[in-house]
Amino acid sequence: MPIERINPGRRLSQAVRYGDTVYIAGTVADDTSADVKGQTRQILAKIDTVLARLGADKSHLLSATVWLADVAAYDDMNLIWDAWVPEGAAPARACVEAKLAGEEYRVEIAAIAALDRAD
């Protein structure tokens, strides 16, 4: 079974598909001037884009890990998350406070999703 790497780089790929599963790397916002809500929106849009490229959508999410630079932003992040996740299709999820790669990042999200593929 081949491994498909999406937007591979020297250090990481944006996502990796193996069989009917896609692993989406920790994803951060491009516009880091945004607050946690804005950064969360950007990240979820990137996840939507990756899933769409592979013929899936957010209802296929199996799990997600959310890292917050400040756990005090938990409710703000969840306002965006809850509006994004389809009713009845919430993935298994962990959310923790962590020191992120740069002070400009307020949130980072990684995810795993199932793909409905015949190949």
PDB file of N, CA and C in Angstrom:
ATOM      1  N   MET A   1       0.852  -1.170   0.000  1.00  0.00           N
ATOM      2  CA  MET A   1       0.000   0.000   0.000  1.00  0.00           C
ATOM      3  C   MET A   1       0.904   1.241   0.000  1.00  0.00           C
ATOM      4  N   PRO A   2       0.699   2.141  -0.957  1.00  0.00           N
ATOM      5  CA  PRO A   2       1.562   3.324  -1.030  1.00  0.00           C
ATOM      6  C   PRO A   2       1.238   4.357   0.060  1.00  0.00           C
ATOM      7  N   ILE A   3       2.249   5.118   0.410  1.00  0.00           N
ATOM      8  CA  ILE A   3       2.102   6.241   1.341  1.00  0.00           C
ATOM      9  C   ILE A   3       2.071   7.508   0.498  1.00  0.00           C
ATOM     10  N   GLU A   4       1.053   8.339   0.699  1.00  0.00           N
ATOM     11  CA  GLU A   4       0.935   9.612  -0.021  1.00  0.00           C
ATOM     12  C   GLU A   4       1.226  10.747   0.949  1.00  0.00           C
ATOM     13  N   ARG A   5       2.205  11.573   0.606  1.00  0.00           N
ATOM     14  CA  ARG A   5       2.564  12.720   1.438  1.00  0.00           C
ATOM     15  C   ARG A   5       2.012  13.997   0.797  1.00  0.00           C
ATOM     16  N   ILE A   6       1.264  14.756   1.560  1.00  0.00           N
ATOM     17  CA  ILE A   6       0.637  15.992   1.084  1.00  0.00           C
ATOM     18  C   ILE A   6       1.530  17.160   1.488  1.00  0.00           C
ATOM     19  N   ASN A   7       1.938  17.965   0.508  1.00  0.00           N
ATOM     20  CA  ASN A   7       2.812  19.114   0.752  1.00  0.00           C
ATOM     21  C   ASN A   7       4.012  18.748   1.627  1.00  0.00           C
ATOM     22  N   PRO A   8       4.816  17.781   1.158  1.00  0.00           N
ATOM     23  CA  PRO A   8       5.971  17.378   1.962  1.00  0.00           C
ATOM     24  C   PRO A   8       7.055  18.444   1.989  1.00  0.00           C
ATOM     25  N   GLY A   9       7.708  18.536   3.096  1.00  0.00           N
ATOM     26  CA  GLY A   9       8.847  19.431   3.250  1.00  0.00           C
ATOM     27  C   GLY A   9      10.008  18.659   3.840  1.00  0.00           C
ATOM     28  N   ARG A  10      11.068  19.338   4.115  1.00  0.00           N
ATOM     29  CA  ARG A  10      12.250  18.683   4.682  1.00  0.00           C
ATOM     30  C   ARG A  10      11.966  18.126   6.068  1.00  0.00           C
ATOM     31  N   ARG A  11      11.200  18.877   6.855  1.00  0.00           N
ATOM     32  CA  ARG A  11      10.961  18.506   8.254  1.00  0.00           C
ATOM     33  C   ARG A  11       9.662  17.721   8.441  1.00  0.00           C
ATOM     34  N   LEU A  12       8.624  18.064   7.688  1.00  0.00           N
ATOM     35  CA  LEU A  12       7.331  17.408   7.868  1.00  0.00           C
ATOM     36  C   LEU A  12       6.480  17.555   6.622  1.00  0.00           C
ATOM     37  N   SER A  13       5.452  16.733   6.545  1.00  0.00           N
ATOM     38  CA  SER A  13       4.428  16.857   5.509  1.00  0.00           C
ATOM     39  C   SER A  13       3.193  17.449   6.163  1.00  0.00           C
ATOM     40  N   GLN A  14       2.433  18.224   5.392  1.00  0.00           N
ATOM     41  CA  GLN A  14       1.198  18.790   5.943  1.00  0.00           C
ATOM     42  C   GLN A  14       0.260  17.667   6.372  1.00  0.00           C
ATOM     43  N   ALA A  15       0.255  16.581   5.599  1.00  0.00           N
ATOM     44  CA  ALA A  15      -0.556  15.416   5.924  1.00  0.00           C
ATOM     45  C   ALA A  15       0.059  14.200   5.251  1.00  0.00           C
ATOM     46  N   VAL A  16      -0.297  13.040   5.758  1.00  0.00           N
ATOM     47  CA  VAL A  16       0.149  11.781   5.171  1.00  0.00           C
ATOM     48  C   VAL A  16      -1.055  10.850   5.110  1.00  0.00           C
ATOM     49  N   ARG A  17      -1.279  10.302   3.911  1.00  0.00           N
ATOM     50  CA  ARG A  17      -2.352   9.317   3.744  1.00  0.00           C
ATOM     51  C   ARG A  17      -1.725   7.945   3.632  1.00  0.00           C
ATOM     52  N   TYR A  18      -2.277   7.020   4.403  1.00  0.00           N
ATOM     53  CA  TYR A  18      -1.876   5.626   4.291  1.00  0.00           C
ATOM     54  C   TYR A  18      -3.157   4.812   4.320  1.00  0.00           C
ATOM     55  N   GLY A  19      -3.443   4.171   3.220  1.00  0.00           N
ATOM     56  CA  GLY A  19      -4.700   3.432   3.129  1.00  0.00           C
ATOM     57  C   GLY A  19      -5.875   4.381   3.244  1.00  0.00           C
ATOM     58  N   ASP A  20      -6.765   4.061   4.140  1.00  0.00           N
ATOM     59  CA  ASP A  20      -7.975   4.861   4.322  1.00  0.00           C
ATOM     60  C   ASP A  20      -7.879   5.813   5.505  1.00  0.00           C
ATOM     61  N   THR A  21      -6.654   6.158   5.888  1.00  0.00           N
ATOM     62  CA  THR A  21      -6.455   7.051   7.028  1.00  0.00           C
ATOM     63  C   THR A  21      -5.538   8.201   6.623  1.00  0.00           C
ATOM     64  N   VAL A  22      -5.874   9.393   7.071  1.00  0.00           N
ATOM     65  CA  VAL A  22      -5.016  10.557   6.838  1.00  0.00           C
ATOM     66  C   VAL A  22      -4.625  11.145   8.191  1.00  0.00           C
ATOM     67  N   TYR A  23      -3.339  11.436   8.301  1.00  0.00           N
ATOM     68  CA  TYR A  23      -2.764  12.029   9.502  1.00  0.00           C
ATOM     69  C   TYR A  23      -2.388  13.465   9.165  1.00  0.00           C
ATOM     70  N   ILE A  24      -3.032  14.423   9.795  1.00  0.00           N
ATOM     71  CA  ILE A  24      -2.788  15.839   9.522  1.00  0.00           C
ATOM     72  C   ILE A  24      -1.852  16.374  10.598  1.00  0.00           C
ATOM     73  N   ALA A  25      -0.734  16.931  10.159  1.00  0.00           N
ATOM     74  CA  ALA A  25       0.287  17.439  11.080  1.00  0.00           C
ATOM     75  C   ALA A  25      -0.260  18.583  11.924  1.00  0.00           C
ATOM     76  N   GLY A  26       0.431  18.862  13.006  1.00  0.00           N
ATOM     77  CA  GLY A  26       0.099  20.028  13.809  1.00  0.00           C
ATOM     78  C   GLY A  26       0.035  21.246  12.895  1.00  0.00           C
ATOM     79  N   THR A  27      -1.085  21.939  12.930  1.00  0.00           N
ATOM     80  CA  THR A  27      -1.367  23.040  12.004  1.00  0.00           C
ATOM     81  C   THR A  27      -1.536  24.325  12.787  1.00  0.00           C
ATOM     82  N   VAL A  28      -0.904  25.387  12.301  1.00  0.00           N
ATOM     83  CA  VAL A  28      -0.993  26.699  12.941  1.00  0.00           C
ATOM     84  C   VAL A  28      -1.539  27.721  11.945  1.00  0.00           C
ATOM     85  N   ALA A  29      -1.906  28.874  12.445  1.00  0.00           N
ATOM     86  CA  ALA A  29      -2.458  29.953  11.627  1.00  0.00           C
ATOM     87  C   ALA A  29      -1.358  30.654  10.838  1.00  0.00           C
ATOM     88  N   ASP A  30      -1.722  31.169   9.678  1.00  0.00           N
ATOM     89  CA  ASP A  30      -0.801  31.994   8.892  1.00  0.00           C
ATOM     90  C   ASP A  30      -0.779  33.428   9.422  1.00  0.00           C
ATOM     91  N   ASP A  31      -1.961  33.945   9.778  1.00  0.00           N
ATOM     92  CA  ASP A  31      -2.050  35.303  10.316  1.00  0.00           C
ATOM     93  C   ASP A  31      -1.984  35.217  11.839  1.00  0.00           C
ATOM     94  N   THR A  32      -0.784  35.326  12.362  1.00  0.00           N
ATOM     95  CA  THR A  32      -0.598  35.174  13.801  1.00  0.00           C
ATOM     96  C   THR A  32      -0.966  36.422  14.592  1.00  0.00           C
ATOM     97  N   SER A  33      -1.388  37.481  13.898  1.00  0.00           N
ATOM     98  CA  SER A  33      -1.869  38.659  14.615  1.00  0.00           C
ATOM     99  C   SER A  33      -3.295  38.451  15.130  1.00  0.00           C
ATOM    100  N   ALA A  34      -3.958  37.395  14.638  1.00  0.00           N
ATOM    101  CA  ALA A  34      -5.334  37.098  15.051  1.00  0.00           C
ATOM    102  C   ALA A  34      -5.359  36.567  16.477  1.00  0.00           C
ATOM    103  N   ASP A  35      -6.500  36.764  17.141  1.00  0.00           N
ATOM    104  CA  ASP A  35      -6.684  36.204  18.474  1.00  0.00           C
ATOM    105  C   ASP A  35      -6.912  34.697  18.360  1.00  0.00           C
ATOM    106  N   VAL A  36      -7.153  34.033  19.478  1.00  0.00           N
ATOM    107  CA  VAL A  36      -7.295  32.571  19.442  1.00  0.00           C
ATOM    108  C   VAL A  36      -8.481  32.143  18.583  1.00  0.00           C
ATOM    109  N   LYS A  37      -9.558  32.913  18.572  1.00  0.00           N
ATOM    110  CA  LYS A  37     -10.697  32.573  17.710  1.00  0.00           C
ATOM    111  C   LYS A  37     -10.293  32.646  16.241  1.00  0.00           C
ATOM    112  N   GLY A  38      -9.619  33.721  15.868  1.00  0.00           N
ATOM    113  CA  GLY A  38      -9.188  33.888  14.483  1.00  0.00           C
ATOM    114  C   GLY A  38      -8.188  32.833  14.068  1.00  0.00           C
ATOM    115  N   GLN A  39      -7.242  32.519  14.946  1.00  0.00           N
ATOM    116  CA  GLN A  39      -6.269  31.483  14.614  1.00  0.00           C
ATOM    117  C   GLN A  39      -6.951  30.120  14.494  1.00  0.00           C
ATOM    118  N   THR A  40      -7.904  29.843  15.370  1.00  0.00           N
ATOM    119  CA  THR A  40      -8.624  28.573  15.293  1.00  0.00           C
ATOM    120  C   THR A  40      -9.391  28.474  13.977  1.00  0.00           C
ATOM    121  N   ARG A  41     -10.058  29.538  13.566  1.00  0.00           N
ATOM    122  CA  ARG A  41     -10.777  29.539  12.277  1.00  0.00           C
ATOM    123  C   ARG A  41      -9.831  29.214  11.125  1.00  0.00           C
ATOM    124  N   GLN A  42      -8.663  29.860  11.116  1.00  0.00           N
ATOM    125  CA  GLN A  42      -7.695  29.625  10.047  1.00  0.00           C
ATOM    126  C   GLN A  42      -7.242  28.175  10.019  1.00  0.00           C
ATOM    127  N   ILE A  43      -6.948  27.630  11.169  1.00  0.00           N
ATOM    128  CA  ILE A  43      -6.472  26.250  11.260  1.00  0.00           C
ATOM    129  C   ILE A  43      -7.542  25.279  10.780  1.00  0.00           C
ATOM    130  N   LEU A  44      -8.766  25.467  11.216  1.00  0.00           N
ATOM    131  CA  LEU A  44      -9.838  24.564  10.810  1.00  0.00           C
ATOM    132  C   LEU A  44     -10.097  24.666   9.312  1.00  0.00           C
ATOM    133  N   ALA A  45      -9.941  25.842   8.730  1.00  0.00           N
ATOM    134  CA  ALA A  45     -10.071  25.997   7.278  1.00  0.00           C
ATOM    135  C   ALA A  45      -8.971  25.210   6.558  1.00  0.00           C
ATOM    136  N   LYS A  46      -7.758  25.225   7.098  1.00  0.00           N
ATOM    137  CA  LYS A  46      -6.666  24.439   6.502  1.00  0.00           C
ATOM    138  C   LYS A  46      -6.972  22.942   6.574  1.00  0.00           C
ATOM    139  N   ILE A  47      -7.509  22.509   7.699  1.00  0.00           N
ATOM    140  CA  ILE A  47      -7.879  21.096   7.840  1.00  0.00           C
ATOM    141  C   ILE A  47      -8.971  20.744   6.837  1.00  0.00           C
ATOM    142  N   ASP A  48      -9.961  21.614   6.683  1.00  0.00           N
ATOM    143  CA  ASP A  48     -11.006  21.407   5.672  1.00  0.00           C
ATOM    144  C   ASP A  48     -10.398  21.228   4.286  1.00  0.00           C
ATOM    145  N   THR A  49      -9.419  22.065   3.950  1.00  0.00           N
ATOM    146  CA  THR A  49      -8.778  22.024   2.632  1.00  0.00           C
ATOM    147  C   THR A  49      -8.062  20.700   2.405  1.00  0.00           C
ATOM    148  N   VAL A  50      -7.316  20.243   3.397  1.00  0.00           N
ATOM    149  CA  VAL A  50      -6.605  18.962   3.276  1.00  0.00           C
ATOM    150  C   VAL A  50      -7.608  17.823   3.095  1.00  0.00           C
ATOM    151  N   LEU A  51      -8.635  17.807   3.908  1.00  0.00           N
ATOM    152  CA  LEU A  51      -9.624  16.741   3.814  1.00  0.00           C
ATOM    153  C   LEU A  51     -10.327  16.756   2.457  1.00  0.00           C
ATOM    154  N   ALA A  52     -10.689  17.935   1.977  1.00  0.00           N
ATOM    155  CA  ALA A  52     -11.352  18.042   0.675  1.00  0.00           C
ATOM    156  C   ALA A  52     -10.451  17.525  -0.441  1.00  0.00           C
ATOM    157  N   ARG A  53      -9.177  17.825  -0.366  1.00  0.00           N
ATOM    158  CA  ARG A  53      -8.217  17.348  -1.375  1.00  0.00           C
ATOM    159  C   ARG A  53      -8.232  15.824  -1.468  1.00  0.00           C
ATOM    160  N   LEU A  54      -8.516  15.177  -0.339  1.00  0.00           N
ATOM    161  CA  LEU A  54      -8.509  13.715  -0.289  1.00  0.00           C
ATOM    162  C   LEU A  54      -9.909  13.114  -0.393  1.00  0.00           C
ATOM    163  N   GLY A  55     -10.901  13.965  -0.692  1.00  0.00           N
ATOM    164  CA  GLY A  55     -12.258  13.480  -0.886  1.00  0.00           C
ATOM    165  C   GLY A  55     -13.024  13.222   0.405  1.00  0.00           C
ATOM    166  N   ALA A  56     -12.627  13.888   1.479  1.00  0.00           N
ATOM    167  CA  ALA A  56     -13.297  13.710   2.770  1.00  0.00           C
ATOM    168  C   ALA A  56     -13.712  15.069   3.318  1.00  0.00           C
ATOM    169  N   ASP A  57     -14.279  15.052   4.502  1.00  0.00           N
ATOM    170  CA  ASP A  57     -14.626  16.296   5.181  1.00  0.00           C
ATOM    171  C   ASP A  57     -14.520  16.071   6.692  1.00  0.00           C
ATOM    172  N   LYS A  58     -14.826  17.099   7.449  1.00  0.00           N
ATOM    173  CA  LYS A  58     -14.643  17.060   8.903  1.00  0.00           C
ATOM    174  C   LYS A  58     -15.504  16.002   9.589  1.00  0.00           C
ATOM    175  N   SER A  59     -16.539  15.510   8.941  1.00  0.00           N
ATOM    176  CA  SER A  59     -17.341  14.444   9.542  1.00  0.00           C
ATOM    177  C   SER A  59     -16.573  13.125   9.584  1.00  0.00           C
ATOM    178  N   HIS A  60     -15.426  13.074   8.896  1.00  0.00           N
ATOM    179  CA  HIS A  60     -14.582  11.880   8.878  1.00  0.00           C
ATOM    180  C   HIS A  60     -13.496  11.898   9.960  1.00  0.00           C
ATOM    181  N   LEU A  61     -13.439  12.957  10.753  1.00  0.00           N
ATOM    182  CA  LEU A  61     -12.398  13.038  11.782  1.00  0.00           C
ATOM    183  C   LEU A  61     -12.560  11.933  12.813  1.00  0.00           C
ATOM    184  N   LEU A  62     -11.443  11.289  13.118  1.00  0.00           N
ATOM    185  CA  LEU A  62     -11.411  10.270  14.158  1.00  0.00           C
ATOM    186  C   LEU A  62     -10.916  10.847  15.469  1.00  0.00           C
ATOM    187  N   SER A  63      -9.867  11.661  15.390  1.00  0.00           N
ATOM    188  CA  SER A  63      -9.313  12.268  16.599  1.00  0.00           C
ATOM    189  C   SER A  63      -8.652  13.597  16.274  1.00  0.00           C
ATOM    190  N   ALA A  64      -8.501  14.399  17.297  1.00  0.00           N
ATOM    191  CA  ALA A  64      -7.819  15.687  17.162  1.00  0.00           C
ATOM    192  C   ALA A  64      -7.102  15.983  18.470  1.00  0.00           C
ATOM    193  N   THR A  65      -5.972  16.655  18.334  1.00  0.00           N
ATOM    194  CA  THR A  65      -5.239  17.148  19.494  1.00  0.00           C
ATOM    195  C   THR A  65      -5.105  18.652  19.338  1.00  0.00           C
ATOM    196  N   VAL A  66      -5.508  19.378  20.357  1.00  0.00           N
ATOM    197  CA  VAL A  66      -5.453  20.836  20.356  1.00  0.00           C
ATOM    198  C   VAL A  66      -4.471  21.276  21.431  1.00  0.00           C
ATOM    199  N   TRP A  67      -3.527  22.113  21.022  1.00  0.00           N
ATOM    200  CA  TRP A  67      -2.588  22.707  21.972  1.00  0.00           C
ATOM    201  C   TRP A  67      -2.885  24.191  22.054  1.00  0.00           C
ATOM    202  N   LEU A  68      -3.047  24.703  23.254  1.00  0.00           N
ATOM    203  CA  LEU A  68      -3.291  26.124  23.482  1.00  0.00           C
ATOM    204  C   LEU A  68      -2.089  26.718  24.208  1.00  0.00           C
ATOM    205  N   ALA A  69      -1.653  27.887  23.762  1.00  0.00           N
ATOM    206  CA  ALA A  69      -0.561  28.574  24.448  1.00  0.00           C
ATOM    207  C   ALA A  69      -0.992  28.991  25.857  1.00  0.00           C
ATOM    208  N   ASP A  70      -2.282  29.244  26.024  1.00  0.00           N
ATOM    209  CA  ASP A  70      -2.831  29.650  27.321  1.00  0.00           C
ATOM    210  C   ASP A  70      -4.190  28.978  27.482  1.00  0.00           C
ATOM    211  N   VAL A  71      -4.303  28.083  28.437  1.00  0.00           N
ATOM    212  CA  VAL A  71      -5.546  27.342  28.639  1.00  0.00           C
ATOM    213  C   VAL A  71      -6.718  28.264  28.985  1.00  0.00           C
ATOM    214  N   ALA A  72      -6.434  29.493  29.369  1.00  0.00           N
ATOM    215  CA  ALA A  72      -7.506  30.462  29.620  1.00  0.00           C
ATOM    216  C   ALA A  72      -8.298  30.752  28.338  1.00  0.00           C
ATOM    217  N   ALA A  73      -7.732  30.416  27.186  1.00  0.00           N
ATOM    218  CA  ALA A  73      -8.412  30.627  25.896  1.00  0.00           C
ATOM    219  C   ALA A  73      -9.282  29.438  25.489  1.00  0.00           C
ATOM    220  N   TYR A  74      -9.408  28.462  26.376  1.00  0.00           N
ATOM    221  CA  TYR A  74     -10.157  27.235  26.092  1.00  0.00           C
ATOM    222  C   TYR A  74     -11.580  27.531  25.605  1.00  0.00           C
ATOM    223  N   ASP A  75     -12.298  28.379  26.294  1.00  0.00           N
ATOM    224  CA  ASP A  75     -13.683  28.675  25.908  1.00  0.00           C
ATOM    225  C   ASP A  75     -13.756  29.380  24.556  1.00  0.00           C
ATOM    226  N   ASP A  76     -12.835  30.315  24.301  1.00  0.00           N
ATOM    227  CA  ASP A  76     -12.823  31.016  23.008  1.00  0.00           C
ATOM    228  C   ASP A  76     -12.542  30.050  21.864  1.00  0.00           C
ATOM    229  N   MET A  77     -11.571  29.155  22.050  1.00  0.00           N
ATOM    230  CA  MET A  77     -11.274  28.169  21.017  1.00  0.00           C
ATOM    231  C   MET A  77     -12.483  27.271  20.795  1.00  0.00           C
ATOM    232  N   ASN A  78     -13.128  26.848  21.884  1.00  0.00           N
ATOM    233  CA  ASN A  78     -14.278  25.953  21.768  1.00  0.00           C
ATOM    234  C   ASN A  78     -15.476  26.598  21.085  1.00  0.00           C
ATOM    235  N   LEU A  79     -15.629  27.919  21.185  1.00  0.00           N
ATOM    236  CA  LEU A  79     -16.716  28.587  20.463  1.00  0.00           C
ATOM    237  C   LEU A  79     -16.590  28.331  18.961  1.00  0.00           C
ATOM    238  N   ILE A  80     -15.371  28.408  18.459  1.00  0.00           N
ATOM    239  CA  ILE A  80     -15.125  28.188  17.029  1.00  0.00           C
ATOM    240  C   ILE A  80     -15.189  26.703  16.714  1.00  0.00           C
ATOM    241  N   TRP A  81     -14.550  25.887  17.538  1.00  0.00           N
ATOM    242  CA  TRP A  81     -14.531  24.435  17.340  1.00  0.00           C
ATOM    243  C   TRP A  81     -15.957  23.876  17.296  1.00  0.00           C
ATOM    244  N   ASP A  82     -16.774  24.240  18.290  1.00  0.00           N
ATOM    245  CA  ASP A  82     -18.130  23.703  18.392  1.00  0.00           C
ATOM    246  C   ASP A  82     -18.993  24.081  17.188  1.00  0.00           C
ATOM    247  N   ALA A  83     -18.789  25.269  16.653  1.00  0.00           N
ATOM    248  CA  ALA A  83     -19.540  25.693  15.463  1.00  0.00           C
ATOM    249  C   ALA A  83     -19.070  24.946  14.212  1.00  0.00           C
ATOM    250  N   TRP A  84     -17.832  24.485  14.221  1.00  0.00           N
ATOM    251  CA  TRP A  84     -17.233  23.817  13.061  1.00  0.00           C
ATOM    252  C   TRP A  84     -17.547  22.325  13.003  1.00  0.00           C
ATOM    253  N   VAL A  85     -17.527  21.653  14.144  1.00  0.00           N
ATOM    254  CA  VAL A  85     -17.727  20.197  14.169  1.00  0.00           C
ATOM    255  C   VAL A  85     -19.195  19.876  13.904  1.00  0.00           C
ATOM    256  N   PRO A  86     -19.454  18.974  12.943  1.00  0.00           N
ATOM    257  CA  PRO A  86     -20.848  18.613  12.662  1.00  0.00           C
ATOM    258  C   PRO A  86     -21.509  17.923  13.858  1.00  0.00           C
ATOM    259  N   GLU A  87     -22.773  18.214  14.055  1.00  0.00           N
ATOM    260  CA  GLU A  87     -23.546  17.591  15.131  1.00  0.00           C
ATOM    261  C   GLU A  87     -23.459  16.071  14.993  1.00  0.00           C
ATOM    262  N   GLY A  88     -23.121  15.403  16.086  1.00  0.00           N
ATOM    263  CA  GLY A  88     -23.040  13.953  16.098  1.00  0.00           C
ATOM    264  C   GLY A  88     -21.765  13.375  15.498  1.00  0.00           C
ATOM    265  N   ALA A  89     -20.824  14.225  15.073  1.00  0.00           N
ATOM    266  CA  ALA A  89     -19.595  13.738  14.424  1.00  0.00           C
ATOM    267  C   ALA A  89     -18.339  14.244  15.133  1.00  0.00           C
ATOM    268  N   ALA A  90     -18.453  14.536  16.419  1.00  0.00           N
ATOM    269  CA  ALA A  90     -17.276  15.024  17.154  1.00  0.00           C
ATOM    270  C   ALA A  90     -16.238  13.910  17.255  1.00  0.00           C
ATOM    271  N   PRO A  91     -14.978  14.225  16.956  1.00  0.00           N
ATOM    272  CA  PRO A  91     -13.926  13.218  17.081  1.00  0.00           C
ATOM    273  C   PRO A  91     -13.508  13.051  18.544  1.00  0.00           C
ATOM    274  N   ALA A  92     -12.750  12.020  18.817  1.00  0.00           N
ATOM    275  CA  ALA A  92     -12.068  11.938  20.104  1.00  0.00           C
ATOM    276  C   ALA A  92     -11.107  13.124  20.117  1.00  0.00           C
ATOM    277  N   ARG A  93     -10.974  13.805  21.257  1.00  0.00           N
ATOM    278  CA  ARG A  93     -10.150  15.017  21.262  1.00  0.00           C
ATOM    279  C   ARG A  93      -9.451  15.206  22.587  1.00  0.00           C
ATOM    280  N   ALA A  94      -8.246  15.708  22.497  1.00  0.00           N
ATOM    281  CA  ALA A  94      -7.503  16.141  23.679  1.00  0.00           C
ATOM    282  C   ALA A  94      -7.189  17.614  23.490  1.00  0.00           C
ATOM    283  N   CYS A  95      -7.166  18.360  24.587  1.00  0.00           N
ATOM    284  CA  CYS A  95      -6.821  19.776  24.533  1.00  0.00           C
ATOM    285  C   CYS A  95      -5.969  20.084  25.753  1.00  0.00           C
ATOM    286  N   VAL A  96      -4.769  20.585  25.492  1.00  0.00           N
ATOM    287  CA  VAL A  96      -3.839  20.862  26.579  1.00  0.00           C
ATOM    288  C   VAL A  96      -3.166  22.213  26.386  1.00  0.00           C
ATOM    289  N   GLU A  97      -2.681  22.761  27.470  1.00  0.00           N
ATOM    290  CA  GLU A  97      -1.850  23.959  27.401  1.00  0.00           C
ATOM    291  C   GLU A  97      -0.415  23.522  27.137  1.00  0.00           C
ATOM    292  N   ALA A  98       0.253  24.233  26.230  1.00  0.00           N
ATOM    293  CA  ALA A  98       1.631  23.890  25.895  1.00  0.00           C
ATOM    294  C   ALA A  98       2.363  25.121  25.398  1.00  0.00           C
ATOM    295  N   LYS A  99       3.660  25.109  25.570  1.00  0.00           N
ATOM    296  CA  LYS A  99       4.489  26.153  24.976  1.00  0.00           C
ATOM    297  C   LYS A  99       4.632  25.793  23.493  1.00  0.00           C
ATOM    298  N   LEU A 100       4.118  26.650  22.627  1.00  0.00           N
ATOM    299  CA  LEU A 100       4.143  26.373  21.191  1.00  0.00           C
ATOM    300  C   LEU A 100       5.459  26.838  20.576  1.00  0.00           C
ATOM    301  N   ALA A 101       5.648  26.553  19.306  1.00  0.00           N
ATOM    302  CA  ALA A 101       6.933  26.803  18.632  1.00  0.00           C
ATOM    303  C   ALA A 101       7.333  28.269  18.603  1.00  0.00           C
ATOM    304  N   GLY A 102       6.379  29.166  18.693  1.00  0.00           N
ATOM    305  CA  GLY A 102       6.668  30.596  18.714  1.00  0.00           C
ATOM    306  C   GLY A 102       5.622  31.312  19.539  1.00  0.00           C
ATOM    307  N   GLU A 103       6.006  32.422  20.131  1.00  0.00           N
ATOM    308  CA  GLU A 103       5.070  33.176  20.972  1.00  0.00           C
ATOM    309  C   GLU A 103       3.877  33.719  20.201  1.00  0.00           C
ATOM    310  N   GLU A 104       4.020  33.841  18.887  1.00  0.00           N
ATOM    311  CA  GLU A 104       2.934  34.373  18.063  1.00  0.00           C
ATOM    312  C   GLU A 104       1.787  33.367  17.876  1.00  0.00           C
ATOM    313  N   TYR A 105       2.063  32.097  18.131  1.00  0.00           N
ATOM    314  CA  TYR A 105       1.034  31.064  17.967  1.00  0.00           C
ATOM    315  C   TYR A 105       0.229  30.929  19.246  1.00  0.00           C
ATOM    316  N   ARG A 106      -1.090  30.935  19.088  1.00  0.00           N
ATOM    317  CA  ARG A 106      -1.989  30.800  20.236  1.00  0.00           C
ATOM    318  C   ARG A 106      -2.630  29.418  20.296  1.00  0.00           C
ATOM    319  N   VAL A 107      -2.678  28.741  19.139  1.00  0.00           N
ATOM    320  CA  VAL A 107      -3.311  27.422  19.066  1.00  0.00           C
ATOM    321  C   VAL A 107      -2.661  26.612  17.941  1.00  0.00           C
ATOM    322  N   GLU A 108      -2.627  25.304  18.131  1.00  0.00           N
ATOM    323  CA  GLU A 108      -2.148  24.367  17.115  1.00  0.00           C
ATOM    324  C   GLU A 108      -3.041  23.140  17.196  1.00  0.00           C
ATOM    325  N   ILE A 109      -3.396  22.590  16.028  1.00  0.00           N
ATOM    326  CA  ILE A 109      -4.288  21.429  16.000  1.00  0.00           C
ATOM    327  C   ILE A 109      -3.729  20.386  15.038  1.00  0.00           C
ATOM    328  N   ALA A 110      -3.713  19.136  15.476  1.00  0.00           N
ATOM    329  CA  ALA A 110      -3.374  17.986  14.631  1.00  0.00           C
ATOM    330  C   ALA A 110      -4.610  17.079  14.603  1.00  0.00           C
ATOM    331  N   ALA A 111      -4.772  16.313  13.525  1.00  0.00           N
ATOM    332  CA  ALA A 111      -5.966  15.475  13.419  1.00  0.00           C
ATOM    333  C   ALA A 111      -5.686  14.194  12.641  1.00  0.00           C
ATOM    334  N   ILE A 112      -6.525  13.231  12.858  1.00  0.00           N
ATOM    335  CA  ILE A 112      -6.521  11.978  12.101  1.00  0.00           C
ATOM    336  C   ILE A 112      -7.939  11.773  11.592  1.00  0.00           C
ATOM    337  N   ALA A 113      -8.055  11.383  10.317  1.00  0.00           N
ATOM    338  CA  ALA A 113      -9.373  11.188   9.721  1.00  0.00           C
ATOM    339  C   ALA A 113      -9.408   9.910   8.903  1.00  0.00           C
ATOM    340  N   ALA A 114     -10.591   9.355   8.779  1.00  0.00           N
ATOM    341  CA  ALA A 114     -10.828   8.190   7.930  1.00  0.00           C
ATOM    342  C   ALA A 114     -11.260   8.673   6.557  1.00  0.00           C
ATOM    343  N   LEU A 115     -10.838   7.971   5.528  1.00  0.00           N
ATOM    344  CA  LEU A 115     -11.222   8.290   4.160  1.00  0.00           C
ATOM    345  C   LEU A 115     -12.064   7.159   3.604  1.00  0.00           C
ATOM    346  N   ASP A 116     -13.099   7.505   2.886  1.00  0.00           N
ATOM    347  CA  ASP A 116     -13.901   6.500   2.194  1.00  0.00           C
ATOM    348  C   ASP A 116     -13.341   6.365   0.796  1.00  0.00           C
ATOM    349  N   ARG A 117     -12.447   5.405   0.619  1.00  0.00           N
ATOM    350  CA  ARG A 117     -11.775   5.238  -0.676  1.00  0.00           C
ATOM    351  C   ARG A 117     -11.856   3.788  -1.101  1.00  0.00           C
ATOM    352  N   ALA A 118     -12.100   3.607  -2.383  1.00  0.00           N
ATOM    353  CA  ALA A 118     -12.174   2.261  -2.936  1.00  0.00           C
ATOM    354  C   ALA A 118     -10.806   1.734  -3.338  1.00  0.00           C
ATOM    355  N   ASP A 119      -9.821   2.660  -3.518  1.00  0.00           N
ATOM    356  CA  ASP A 119      -8.505   2.191  -3.983  1.00  0.00           C
ATOM    357  C   ASP A 119      -7.751   1.717  -2.837  1.00  0.00           C
TER     358      ASP A 119
END
